[in-house]
Structure formats: structure tokens, C-alpha cells
Amino acid sequence: MRFPMTNAKKSNISTVFSAVSLLLGGYLYLEWTSIGFPDGYVSDFDRARQILYPIGMILSTAFAISFARMGRKPWVETNQKKILSCLLLFLGMIVFFVTLLFFLSVKLDHGQGG
């Protein structure tokens, strides 16, 4: 059974999500390189981010590669399910990381002083 979406539209959707994944990985890289204070002090929250950001960068790059590869395959029902499941996993990863960073920012020391 064919769906009304053409291969060109599917390729565009996959390209957009691949670009979003790469942009997220680039943002995490920029945040990761700017961790810490100029005097060299690294707070507890910064130590936690030093662990989480590389993991997020690796996962974002993996999702970008998978979206780009899925955009090249023919648009059949099984591929549509794979793209949808990959998209849901990607959005779930974003929600998980945002929630975890919010929790850590509330519970850990930022080095703000007294």
C-alpha cells in the first residue's frame, strides 16, 4: 500500500530532521567548549555537563546519519514506520536531556558564591 507522500517530500523531511540533529550537536559542542570559569574553577554542575554534552553530541550525530540514510531509501510503509520511530526516539532524547539538565541545575552547585 502506497501513501500519498512522494519520495521528494520524504527526502525533504529527512533532510530537515538531519539538519536539526546536526545543529543540536553543534550547539552542544559550543556549550561543551565554554564550560568553566576563566580562573579554571569547574563547579559540580559543570562537571555533570562535561559528561552529558559529549553523549548528546554522539547521539545527535547518530540520529543525523540515520535520518540522512533513511531519506535515500524508497518511501514504503516500513520505511515510514522507521522514520517515525526514529523521530520519536530523537524527540524523547531531547526531552530526556532537557529534563536531566534542569534537574541537575536545580540540585547542583553552579559556583555562584555567596
PDB file of N, CA and C in Angstrom:
ATOM      1  N   MET A   1       0.847  -1.183   0.000  1.00  0.00           N
ATOM      2  CA  MET A   1       0.000   0.000   0.000  1.00  0.00           C
ATOM      3  C   MET A   1       0.890   1.242   0.000  1.00  0.00           C
ATOM      4  N   ARG A   2       0.616   2.135  -0.891  1.00  0.00           N
ATOM      5  CA  ARG A   2       1.383   3.375  -1.016  1.00  0.00           C
ATOM      6  C   ARG A   2       0.679   4.495  -0.285  1.00  0.00           C
ATOM      7  N   PHE A   3       1.475   5.398   0.254  1.00  0.00           N
ATOM      8  CA  PHE A   3       0.944   6.578   0.905  1.00  0.00           C
ATOM      9  C   PHE A   3       1.089   7.758  -0.029  1.00  0.00           C
ATOM     10  N   PRO A   4       0.303   8.820   0.167  1.00  0.00           N
ATOM     11  CA  PRO A   4       0.321   9.924  -0.789  1.00  0.00           C
ATOM     12  C   PRO A   4       1.604  10.750  -0.792  1.00  0.00           C
ATOM     13  N   MET A   5       2.507  10.541   0.157  1.00  0.00           N
ATOM     14  CA  MET A   5       3.716  11.338   0.197  1.00  0.00           C
ATOM     15  C   MET A   5       4.705  10.821  -0.847  1.00  0.00           C
ATOM     16  N   THR A   6       5.269  11.705  -1.611  1.00  0.00           N
ATOM     17  CA  THR A   6       6.211  11.315  -2.656  1.00  0.00           C
ATOM     18  C   THR A   6       7.614  11.188  -2.081  1.00  0.00           C
ATOM     19  N   ASN A   7       8.511  10.640  -2.902  1.00  0.00           N
ATOM     20  CA  ASN A   7       9.899  10.483  -2.463  1.00  0.00           C
ATOM     21  C   ASN A   7      10.564  11.829  -2.221  1.00  0.00           C
ATOM     22  N   ALA A   8      10.201  12.850  -2.999  1.00  0.00           N
ATOM     23  CA  ALA A   8      10.806  14.172  -2.821  1.00  0.00           C
ATOM     24  C   ALA A   8      10.417  14.764  -1.470  1.00  0.00           C
ATOM     25  N   LYS A   9       9.146  14.633  -1.082  1.00  0.00           N
ATOM     26  CA  LYS A   9       8.718  15.155   0.217  1.00  0.00           C
ATOM     27  C   LYS A   9       9.397  14.398   1.354  1.00  0.00           C
ATOM     28  N   LYS A  10       9.495  13.084   1.199  1.00  0.00           N
ATOM     29  CA  LYS A  10      10.132  12.281   2.226  1.00  0.00           C
ATOM     30  C   LYS A  10      11.593  12.648   2.382  1.00  0.00           C
ATOM     31  N   SER A  11      12.250  12.874   1.264  1.00  0.00           N
ATOM     32  CA  SER A  11      13.653  13.265   1.303  1.00  0.00           C
ATOM     33  C   SER A  11      13.814  14.616   1.988  1.00  0.00           C
ATOM     34  N   ASN A  12      12.884  15.545   1.734  1.00  0.00           N
ATOM     35  CA  ASN A  12      12.939  16.851   2.380  1.00  0.00           C
ATOM     36  C   ASN A  12      12.735  16.737   3.890  1.00  0.00           C
ATOM     37  N   ILE A  13      11.800  15.901   4.308  1.00  0.00           N
ATOM     38  CA  ILE A  13      11.540  15.719   5.736  1.00  0.00           C
ATOM     39  C   ILE A  13      12.771  15.132   6.423  1.00  0.00           C
ATOM     40  N   SER A  14      13.349  14.119   5.810  1.00  0.00           N
ATOM     41  CA  SER A  14      14.540  13.500   6.381  1.00  0.00           C
ATOM     42  C   SER A  14      15.707  14.479   6.411  1.00  0.00           C
ATOM     43  N   THR A  15      15.834  15.312   5.384  1.00  0.00           N
ATOM     44  CA  THR A  15      16.908  16.303   5.345  1.00  0.00           C
ATOM     45  C   THR A  15      16.731  17.338   6.445  1.00  0.00           C
ATOM     46  N   VAL A  16      15.505  17.764   6.684  1.00  0.00           N
ATOM     47  CA  VAL A  16      15.245  18.750   7.736  1.00  0.00           C
ATOM     48  C   VAL A  16      15.601  18.172   9.102  1.00  0.00           C
ATOM     49  N   PHE A  17      15.168  16.952   9.380  1.00  0.00           N
ATOM     50  CA  PHE A  17      15.473  16.360  10.685  1.00  0.00           C
ATOM     51  C   PHE A  17      16.957  16.056  10.825  1.00  0.00           C
ATOM     52  N   SER A  18      17.604  15.710   9.737  1.00  0.00           N
ATOM     53  CA  SER A  18      19.049  15.506   9.783  1.00  0.00           C
ATOM     54  C   SER A  18      19.764  16.814  10.098  1.00  0.00           C
ATOM     55  N   ALA A  19      19.321  17.900   9.486  1.00  0.00           N
ATOM     56  CA  ALA A  19      19.933  19.214   9.751  1.00  0.00           C
ATOM     57  C   ALA A  19      19.682  19.650  11.196  1.00  0.00           C
ATOM     58  N   VAL A  20      18.476  19.406  11.696  1.00  0.00           N
ATOM     59  CA  VAL A  20      18.169  19.759  13.092  1.00  0.00           C
ATOM     60  C   VAL A  20      19.065  18.968  14.042  1.00  0.00           C
ATOM     61  N   SER A  21      19.274  17.697  13.745  1.00  0.00           N
ATOM     62  CA  SER A  21      20.148  16.873  14.586  1.00  0.00           C
ATOM     63  C   SER A  21      21.579  17.398  14.566  1.00  0.00           C
ATOM     64  N   LEU A  22      22.070  17.783  13.387  1.00  0.00           N
ATOM     65  CA  LEU A  22      23.424  18.327  13.304  1.00  0.00           C
ATOM     66  C   LEU A  22      23.535  19.665  14.026  1.00  0.00           C
ATOM     67  N   LEU A  23      22.512  20.505  13.904  1.00  0.00           N
ATOM     68  CA  LEU A  23      22.535  21.786  14.614  1.00  0.00           C
ATOM     69  C   LEU A  23      22.535  21.584  16.127  1.00  0.00           C
ATOM     70  N   LEU A  24      21.769  20.618  16.599  1.00  0.00           N
ATOM     71  CA  LEU A  24      21.769  20.317  18.025  1.00  0.00           C
ATOM     72  C   LEU A  24      23.145  19.832  18.485  1.00  0.00           C
ATOM     73  N   GLY A  25      23.775  18.980  17.692  1.00  0.00           N
ATOM     74  CA  GLY A  25      25.117  18.525  18.022  1.00  0.00           C
ATOM     75  C   GLY A  25      26.116  19.669  18.039  1.00  0.00           C
ATOM     76  N   GLY A  26      25.991  20.604  17.093  1.00  0.00           N
ATOM     77  CA  GLY A  26      26.870  21.772  17.070  1.00  0.00           C
ATOM     78  C   GLY A  26      26.656  22.676  18.269  1.00  0.00           C
ATOM     79  N   TYR A  27      25.400  22.863  18.650  1.00  0.00           N
ATOM     80  CA  TYR A  27      25.099  23.671  19.840  1.00  0.00           C
ATOM     81  C   TYR A  27      25.685  23.035  21.094  1.00  0.00           C
ATOM     82  N   LEU A  28      25.531  21.718  21.221  1.00  0.00           N
ATOM     83  CA  LEU A  28      26.093  21.032  22.384  1.00  0.00           C
ATOM     84  C   LEU A  28      27.616  21.135  22.398  1.00  0.00           C
ATOM     85  N   TYR A  29      28.235  21.101  21.216  1.00  0.00           N
ATOM     86  CA  TYR A  29      29.690  21.262  21.156  1.00  0.00           C
ATOM     87  C   TYR A  29      30.102  22.655  21.629  1.00  0.00           C
ATOM     88  N   LEU A  30      29.387  23.676  21.187  1.00  0.00           N
ATOM     89  CA  LEU A  30      29.713  25.041  21.613  1.00  0.00           C
ATOM     90  C   LEU A  30      29.526  25.214  23.121  1.00  0.00           C
ATOM     91  N   GLU A  31      28.470  24.635  23.655  1.00  0.00           N
ATOM     92  CA  GLU A  31      28.253  24.694  25.100  1.00  0.00           C
ATOM     93  C   GLU A  31      29.339  23.928  25.854  1.00  0.00           C
ATOM     94  N   TRP A  32      29.748  22.783  25.298  1.00  0.00           N
ATOM     95  CA  TRP A  32      30.751  21.944  25.950  1.00  0.00           C
ATOM     96  C   TRP A  32      32.102  22.650  26.006  1.00  0.00           C
ATOM     97  N   THR A  33      32.448  23.370  24.954  1.00  0.00           N
ATOM     98  CA  THR A  33      33.751  24.048  24.931  1.00  0.00           C
ATOM     99  C   THR A  33      33.778  25.296  25.806  1.00  0.00           C
ATOM    100  N   SER A  34      32.626  25.799  26.212  1.00  0.00           N
ATOM    101  CA  SER A  34      32.608  27.012  27.038  1.00  0.00           C
ATOM    102  C   SER A  34      32.299  26.716  28.509  1.00  0.00           C
ATOM    103  N   ILE A  35      32.502  25.488  28.938  1.00  0.00           N
ATOM    104  CA  ILE A  35      32.248  25.121  30.333  1.00  0.00           C
ATOM    105  C   ILE A  35      33.388  25.612  31.211  1.00  0.00           C
ATOM    106  N   GLY A  36      33.041  26.152  32.374  1.00  0.00           N
ATOM    107  CA  GLY A  36      34.042  26.563  33.358  1.00  0.00           C
ATOM    108  C   GLY A  36      34.189  28.071  33.431  1.00  0.00           C
ATOM    109  N   PHE A  37      34.917  28.524  34.441  1.00  0.00           N
ATOM    110  CA  PHE A  37      35.183  29.942  34.650  1.00  0.00           C
ATOM    111  C   PHE A  37      36.579  30.269  34.133  1.00  0.00           C
ATOM    112  N   PRO A  38      36.868  31.533  33.851  1.00  0.00           N
ATOM    113  CA  PRO A  38      38.197  31.898  33.343  1.00  0.00           C
ATOM    114  C   PRO A  38      39.345  31.545  34.294  1.00  0.00           C
ATOM    115  N   ASP A  39      39.070  31.481  35.592  1.00  0.00           N
ATOM    116  CA  ASP A  39      40.147  31.155  36.532  1.00  0.00           C
ATOM    117  C   ASP A  39      40.389  29.650  36.662  1.00  0.00           C
ATOM    118  N   GLY A  40      39.642  28.846  35.924  1.00  0.00           N
ATOM    119  CA  GLY A  40      39.851  27.401  35.920  1.00  0.00           C
ATOM    120  C   GLY A  40      38.931  26.626  36.834  1.00  0.00           C
ATOM    121  N   TYR A  41      38.064  27.317  37.595  1.00  0.00           N
ATOM    122  CA  TYR A  41      37.160  26.628  38.511  1.00  0.00           C
ATOM    123  C   TYR A  41      36.057  25.934  37.719  1.00  0.00           C
ATOM    124  N   VAL A  42      35.811  24.688  38.053  1.00  0.00           N
ATOM    125  CA  VAL A  42      34.726  23.920  37.436  1.00  0.00           C
ATOM    126  C   VAL A  42      33.775  23.500  38.543  1.00  0.00           C
ATOM    127  N   SER A  43      32.527  23.971  38.461  1.00  0.00           N
ATOM    128  CA  SER A  43      31.544  23.663  39.500  1.00  0.00           C
ATOM    129  C   SER A  43      31.012  22.237  39.324  1.00  0.00           C
ATOM    130  N   ASP A  44      30.197  21.823  40.284  1.00  0.00           N
ATOM    131  CA  ASP A  44      29.594  20.491  40.217  1.00  0.00           C
ATOM    132  C   ASP A  44      28.698  20.356  38.990  1.00  0.00           C
ATOM    133  N   PHE A  45      27.934  21.400  38.714  1.00  0.00           N
ATOM    134  CA  PHE A  45      27.050  21.384  37.551  1.00  0.00           C
ATOM    135  C   PHE A  45      27.858  21.311  36.254  1.00  0.00           C
ATOM    136  N   ASP A  46      28.983  22.009  36.211  1.00  0.00           N
ATOM    137  CA  ASP A  46      29.839  21.962  35.028  1.00  0.00           C
ATOM    138  C   ASP A  46      30.449  20.578  34.833  1.00  0.00           C
ATOM    139  N   ARG A  47      30.808  19.904  35.920  1.00  0.00           N
ATOM    140  CA  ARG A  47      31.334  18.541  35.806  1.00  0.00           C
ATOM    141  C   ARG A  47      30.278  17.595  35.246  1.00  0.00           C
ATOM    142  N   ALA A  48      29.040  17.786  35.669  1.00  0.00           N
ATOM    143  CA  ALA A  48      27.961  16.946  35.143  1.00  0.00           C
ATOM    144  C   ALA A  48      27.742  17.225  33.651  1.00  0.00           C
ATOM    145  N   ARG A  49      27.822  18.502  33.273  1.00  0.00           N
ATOM    146  CA  ARG A  49      27.651  18.841  31.851  1.00  0.00           C
ATOM    147  C   ARG A  49      28.808  18.328  31.005  1.00  0.00           C
ATOM    148  N   GLN A  50      30.017  18.258  31.567  1.00  0.00           N
ATOM    149  CA  GLN A  50      31.151  17.714  30.818  1.00  0.00           C
ATOM    150  C   GLN A  50      30.950  16.254  30.449  1.00  0.00           C
ATOM    151  N   ILE A  51      30.141  15.562  31.202  1.00  0.00           N
ATOM    152  CA  ILE A  51      29.833  14.164  30.894  1.00  0.00           C
ATOM    153  C   ILE A  51      28.656  14.075  29.925  1.00  0.00           C
ATOM    154  N   LEU A  52      27.633  14.896  30.135  1.00  0.00           N
ATOM    155  CA  LEU A  52      26.406  14.779  29.337  1.00  0.00           C
ATOM    156  C   LEU A  52      26.537  15.317  27.918  1.00  0.00           C
ATOM    157  N   TYR A  53      27.250  16.408  27.718  1.00  0.00           N
ATOM    158  CA  TYR A  53      27.301  17.025  26.395  1.00  0.00           C
ATOM    159  C   TYR A  53      27.962  16.147  25.334  1.00  0.00           C
ATOM    160  N   PRO A  54      29.086  15.478  25.628  1.00  0.00           N
ATOM    161  CA  PRO A  54      29.628  14.585  24.594  1.00  0.00           C
ATOM    162  C   PRO A  54      28.679  13.438  24.233  1.00  0.00           C
ATOM    163  N   ILE A  55      27.961  12.917  25.225  1.00  0.00           N
ATOM    164  CA  ILE A  55      26.984  11.868  24.945  1.00  0.00           C
ATOM    165  C   ILE A  55      25.886  12.406  24.026  1.00  0.00           C
ATOM    166  N   GLY A  56      25.413  13.612  24.313  1.00  0.00           N
ATOM    167  CA  GLY A  56      24.397  14.232  23.461  1.00  0.00           C
ATOM    168  C   GLY A  56      24.904  14.499  22.052  1.00  0.00           C
ATOM    169  N   MET A  57      26.176  14.906  21.933  1.00  0.00           N
ATOM    170  CA  MET A  57      26.744  15.149  20.607  1.00  0.00           C
ATOM    171  C   MET A  57      26.815  13.854  19.793  1.00  0.00           C
ATOM    172  N   ILE A  58      27.236  12.777  20.430  1.00  0.00           N
ATOM    173  CA  ILE A  58      27.330  11.490  19.735  1.00  0.00           C
ATOM    174  C   ILE A  58      25.948  11.014  19.299  1.00  0.00           C
ATOM    175  N   LEU A  59      24.964  11.115  20.187  1.00  0.00           N
ATOM    176  CA  LEU A  59      23.612  10.683  19.830  1.00  0.00           C
ATOM    177  C   LEU A  59      23.012  11.563  18.734  1.00  0.00           C
ATOM    178  N   SER A  60      23.244  12.865  18.779  1.00  0.00           N
ATOM    179  CA  SER A  60      22.730  13.761  17.743  1.00  0.00           C
ATOM    180  C   SER A  60      23.334  13.439  16.383  1.00  0.00           C
ATOM    181  N   THR A  61      24.623  13.175  16.364  1.00  0.00           N
ATOM    182  CA  THR A  61      25.275  12.819  15.106  1.00  0.00           C
ATOM    183  C   THR A  61      24.754  11.483  14.582  1.00  0.00           C
ATOM    184  N   ALA A  62      24.537  10.532  15.468  1.00  0.00           N
ATOM    185  CA  ALA A  62      23.990   9.240  15.044  1.00  0.00           C
ATOM    186  C   ALA A  62      22.588   9.407  14.469  1.00  0.00           C
ATOM    187  N   PHE A  63      21.761  10.247  15.096  1.00  0.00           N
ATOM    188  CA  PHE A  63      20.424  10.493  14.551  1.00  0.00           C
ATOM    189  C   PHE A  63      20.501  11.220  13.214  1.00  0.00           C
ATOM    190  N   ALA A  64      21.429  12.153  13.065  1.00  0.00           N
ATOM    191  CA  ALA A  64      21.574  12.861  11.794  1.00  0.00           C
ATOM    192  C   ALA A  64      21.951  11.894  10.675  1.00  0.00           C
ATOM    193  N   ILE A  65      22.864  10.986  10.962  1.00  0.00           N
ATOM    194  CA  ILE A  65      23.261   9.997   9.957  1.00  0.00           C
ATOM    195  C   ILE A  65      22.095   9.074   9.618  1.00  0.00           C
ATOM    196  N   SER A  66      21.356   8.639  10.632  1.00  0.00           N
ATOM    197  CA  SER A  66      20.231   7.734  10.365  1.00  0.00           C
ATOM    198  C   SER A  66      19.116   8.438   9.583  1.00  0.00           C
ATOM    199  N   PHE A  67      18.827   9.704   9.897  1.00  0.00           N
ATOM    200  CA  PHE A  67      17.824  10.435   9.116  1.00  0.00           C
ATOM    201  C   PHE A  67      18.282  10.611   7.669  1.00  0.00           C
ATOM    202  N   ALA A  68      19.560  10.913   7.479  1.00  0.00           N
ATOM    203  CA  ALA A  68      20.066  11.099   6.114  1.00  0.00           C
ATOM    204  C   ALA A  68      20.011   9.797   5.320  1.00  0.00           C
ATOM    205  N   ARG A  69      20.322   8.688   5.977  1.00  0.00           N
ATOM    206  CA  ARG A  69      20.258   7.397   5.279  1.00  0.00           C
ATOM    207  C   ARG A  69      18.826   6.999   4.962  1.00  0.00           C
ATOM    208  N   MET A  70      17.901   7.293   5.869  1.00  0.00           N
ATOM    209  CA  MET A  70      16.508   6.937   5.615  1.00  0.00           C
ATOM    210  C   MET A  70      15.903   7.777   4.490  1.00  0.00           C
ATOM    211  N   GLY A  71      16.419   8.970   4.286  1.00  0.00           N
ATOM    212  CA  GLY A  71      15.910   9.812   3.215  1.00  0.00           C
ATOM    213  C   GLY A  71      16.262   9.315   1.838  1.00  0.00           C
ATOM    214  N   ARG A  72      17.235   8.435   1.743  1.00  0.00           N
ATOM    215  CA  ARG A  72      17.672   7.926   0.444  1.00  0.00           C
ATOM    216  C   ARG A  72      16.932   6.672   0.027  1.00  0.00           C
ATOM    217  N   LYS A  73      16.231   6.021   0.941  1.00  0.00           N
ATOM    218  CA  LYS A  73      15.541   4.766   0.632  1.00  0.00           C
ATOM    219  C   LYS A  73      14.154   5.052   0.070  1.00  0.00           C
ATOM    220  N   PRO A  74      13.594   4.098  -0.675  1.00  0.00           N
ATOM    221  CA  PRO A  74      12.231   4.312  -1.210  1.00  0.00           C
ATOM    222  C   PRO A  74      11.212   4.457  -0.086  1.00  0.00           C
ATOM    223  N   TRP A  75      10.184   5.202  -0.374  1.00  0.00           N
ATOM    224  CA  TRP A  75       9.155   5.511   0.623  1.00  0.00           C
ATOM    225  C   TRP A  75       8.116   4.405   0.617  1.00  0.00           C
ATOM    226  N   VAL A  76       8.269   3.445   1.491  1.00  0.00           N
ATOM    227  CA  VAL A  76       7.295   2.374   1.657  1.00  0.00           C
ATOM    228  C   VAL A  76       6.830   2.409   3.099  1.00  0.00           C
ATOM    229  N   GLU A  77       5.866   1.583   3.391  1.00  0.00           N
ATOM    230  CA  GLU A  77       5.256   1.623   4.723  1.00  0.00           C
ATOM    231  C   GLU A  77       6.265   1.316   5.827  1.00  0.00           C
ATOM    232  N   THR A  78       7.149   0.359   5.599  1.00  0.00           N
ATOM    233  CA  THR A  78       8.112   0.017   6.643  1.00  0.00           C
ATOM    234  C   THR A  78       9.098   1.160   6.883  1.00  0.00           C
ATOM    235  N   ASN A  79       9.506   1.831   5.827  1.00  0.00           N
ATOM    236  CA  ASN A  79      10.430   2.948   5.986  1.00  0.00           C
ATOM    237  C   ASN A  79       9.737   4.112   6.696  1.00  0.00           C
ATOM    238  N   GLN A  80       8.443   4.305   6.423  1.00  0.00           N
ATOM    239  CA  GLN A  80       7.701   5.356   7.106  1.00  0.00           C
ATOM    240  C   GLN A  80       7.655   5.081   8.604  1.00  0.00           C
ATOM    241  N   LYS A  81       7.470   3.837   8.989  1.00  0.00           N
ATOM    242  CA  LYS A  81       7.455   3.485  10.407  1.00  0.00           C
ATOM    243  C   LYS A  81       8.826   3.680  11.029  1.00  0.00           C
ATOM    244  N   LYS A  82       9.881   3.374  10.283  1.00  0.00           N
ATOM    245  CA  LYS A  82      11.235   3.564  10.805  1.00  0.00           C
ATOM    246  C   LYS A  82      11.528   5.045  11.026  1.00  0.00           C
ATOM    247  N   ILE A  83      11.130   5.889  10.073  1.00  0.00           N
ATOM    248  CA  ILE A  83      11.364   7.326  10.228  1.00  0.00           C
ATOM    249  C   ILE A  83      10.578   7.862  11.414  1.00  0.00           C
ATOM    250  N   LEU A  84       9.329   7.442  11.554  1.00  0.00           N
ATOM    251  CA  LEU A  84       8.512   7.904  12.674  1.00  0.00           C
ATOM    252  C   LEU A  84       9.087   7.433  14.006  1.00  0.00           C
ATOM    253  N   SER A  85       9.522   6.178  14.086  1.00  0.00           N
ATOM    254  CA  SER A  85      10.091   5.684  15.342  1.00  0.00           C
ATOM    255  C   SER A  85      11.419   6.389  15.651  1.00  0.00           C
ATOM    256  N   CYS A  86      12.223   6.654  14.624  1.00  0.00           N
ATOM    257  CA  CYS A  86      13.484   7.373  14.833  1.00  0.00           C
ATOM    258  C   CYS A  86      13.210   8.807  15.291  1.00  0.00           C
ATOM    259  N   LEU A  87      12.206   9.426  14.717  1.00  0.00           N
ATOM    260  CA  LEU A  87      11.835  10.782  15.127  1.00  0.00           C
ATOM    261  C   LEU A  87      11.352  10.814  16.567  1.00  0.00           C
ATOM    262  N   LEU A  88      10.538   9.842  16.953  1.00  0.00           N
ATOM    263  CA  LEU A  88      10.065   9.781  18.335  1.00  0.00           C
ATOM    264  C   LEU A  88      11.218   9.533  19.310  1.00  0.00           C
ATOM    265  N   LEU A  89      12.169   8.689  18.932  1.00  0.00           N
ATOM    266  CA  LEU A  89      13.345   8.477  19.781  1.00  0.00           C
ATOM    267  C   LEU A  89      14.178   9.746  19.906  1.00  0.00           C
ATOM    268  N   PHE A  90      14.317  10.483  18.802  1.00  0.00           N
ATOM    269  CA  PHE A  90      15.080  11.727  18.820  1.00  0.00           C
ATOM    270  C   PHE A  90      14.407  12.760  19.723  1.00  0.00           C
ATOM    271  N   LEU A  91      13.103  12.903  19.594  1.00  0.00           N
ATOM    272  CA  LEU A  91      12.381  13.851  20.449  1.00  0.00           C
ATOM    273  C   LEU A  91      12.425  13.409  21.909  1.00  0.00           C
ATOM    274  N   GLY A  92      12.345  12.101  22.145  1.00  0.00           N
ATOM    275  CA  GLY A  92      12.466  11.588  23.507  1.00  0.00           C
ATOM    276  C   GLY A  92      13.836  11.873  24.101  1.00  0.00           C
ATOM    277  N   MET A  93      14.888  11.765  23.271  1.00  0.00           N
ATOM    278  CA  MET A  93      16.236  12.087  23.736  1.00  0.00           C
ATOM    279  C   MET A  93      16.334  13.551  24.126  1.00  0.00           C
ATOM    280  N   ILE A  94      15.747  14.428  23.320  1.00  0.00           N
ATOM    281  CA  ILE A  94      15.787  15.860  23.622  1.00  0.00           C
ATOM    282  C   ILE A  94      15.065  16.145  24.934  1.00  0.00           C
ATOM    283  N   VAL A  95      13.883  15.574  25.102  1.00  0.00           N
ATOM    284  CA  VAL A  95      13.118  15.789  26.336  1.00  0.00           C
ATOM    285  C   VAL A  95      13.891  15.249  27.538  1.00  0.00           C
ATOM    286  N   PHE A  96      14.504  14.086  27.401  1.00  0.00           N
ATOM    287  CA  PHE A  96      15.281  13.497  28.496  1.00  0.00           C
ATOM    288  C   PHE A  96      16.444  14.396  28.879  1.00  0.00           C
ATOM    289  N   PHE A  97      17.207  14.878  27.894  1.00  0.00           N
ATOM    290  CA  PHE A  97      18.365  15.711  28.201  1.00  0.00           C
ATOM    291  C   PHE A  97      17.958  17.049  28.814  1.00  0.00           C
ATOM    292  N   VAL A  98      16.896  17.653  28.312  1.00  0.00           N
ATOM    293  CA  VAL A  98      16.442  18.931  28.870  1.00  0.00           C
ATOM    294  C   VAL A  98      15.971  18.742  30.314  1.00  0.00           C
ATOM    295  N   THR A  99      15.217  17.679  30.550  1.00  0.00           N
ATOM    296  CA  THR A  99      14.736  17.401  31.901  1.00  0.00           C
ATOM    297  C   THR A  99      15.898  17.111  32.851  1.00  0.00           C
ATOM    298  N   LEU A 100      16.862  16.323  32.398  1.00  0.00           N
ATOM    299  CA  LEU A 100      18.014  15.997  33.231  1.00  0.00           C
ATOM    300  C   LEU A 100      18.855  17.236  33.537  1.00  0.00           C
ATOM    301  N   LEU A 101      19.081  18.070  32.530  1.00  0.00           N
ATOM    302  CA  LEU A 101      19.851  19.297  32.775  1.00  0.00           C
ATOM    303  C   LEU A 101      19.117  20.248  33.714  1.00  0.00           C
ATOM    304  N   PHE A 102      17.792  20.330  33.606  1.00  0.00           N
ATOM    305  CA  PHE A 102      17.028  21.166  34.530  1.00  0.00           C
ATOM    306  C   PHE A 102      17.146  20.635  35.952  1.00  0.00           C
ATOM    307  N   PHE A 103      17.015  19.321  36.109  1.00  0.00           N
ATOM    308  CA  PHE A 103      17.125  18.721  37.437  1.00  0.00           C
ATOM    309  C   PHE A 103      18.512  18.971  38.024  1.00  0.00           C
ATOM    310  N   LEU A 104      19.552  18.770  37.222  1.00  0.00           N
ATOM    311  CA  LEU A 104      20.907  18.982  37.726  1.00  0.00           C
ATOM    312  C   LEU A 104      21.172  20.453  38.028  1.00  0.00           C
ATOM    313  N   SER A 105      20.582  21.350  37.239  1.00  0.00           N
ATOM    314  CA  SER A 105      20.798  22.776  37.510  1.00  0.00           C
ATOM    315  C   SER A 105      20.126  23.219  38.808  1.00  0.00           C
ATOM    316  N   VAL A 106      19.072  22.548  39.192  1.00  0.00           N
ATOM    317  CA  VAL A 106      18.390  22.873  40.443  1.00  0.00           C
ATOM    318  C   VAL A 106      19.142  22.278  41.640  1.00  0.00           C
ATOM    319  N   LYS A 107      19.648  21.051  41.490  1.00  0.00           N
ATOM    320  CA  LYS A 107      20.227  20.322  42.616  1.00  0.00           C
ATOM    321  C   LYS A 107      21.708  20.570  42.839  1.00  0.00           C
ATOM    322  N   LEU A 108      22.476  20.920  41.800  1.00  0.00           N
ATOM    323  CA  LEU A 108      23.925  21.042  41.949  1.00  0.00           C
ATOM    324  C   LEU A 108      24.362  22.496  42.058  1.00  0.00           C
ATOM    325  N   ASP A 109      25.571  22.672  42.593  1.00  0.00           N
ATOM    326  CA  ASP A 109      26.165  23.985  42.772  1.00  0.00           C
ATOM    327  C   ASP A 109      26.641  24.532  41.428  1.00  0.00           C
ATOM    328  N   HIS A 110      26.321  25.808  41.166  1.00  0.00           N
ATOM    329  CA  HIS A 110      26.756  26.485  39.942  1.00  0.00           C
ATOM    330  C   HIS A 110      28.028  27.297  40.158  1.00  0.00           C
ATOM    331  N   GLY A 111      28.482  27.425  41.365  1.00  0.00           N
ATOM    332  CA  GLY A 111      29.654  28.236  41.655  1.00  0.00           C
ATOM    333  C   GLY A 111      29.337  29.725  41.727  1.00  0.00           C
ATOM    334  N   GLN A 112      28.097  30.043  42.104  1.00  0.00           N
ATOM    335  CA  GLN A 112      27.676  31.445  42.126  1.00  0.00           C
ATOM    336  C   GLN A 112      28.172  32.205  43.350  1.00  0.00           C
ATOM    337  N   GLY A 113      28.654  31.531  44.338  1.00  0.00           N
ATOM    338  CA  GLY A 113      29.194  32.222  45.509  1.00  0.00           C
ATOM    339  C   GLY A 113      28.120  32.679  46.471  1.00  0.00           C
ATOM    340  N   GLY A 114      28.534  33.493  47.448  1.00  0.00           N
ATOM    341  CA  GLY A 114      27.571  33.881  48.466  1.00  0.00           C
ATOM    342  C   GLY A 114      27.471  35.335  48.691  1.00  0.00           C
TER     343      GLY A 114
END
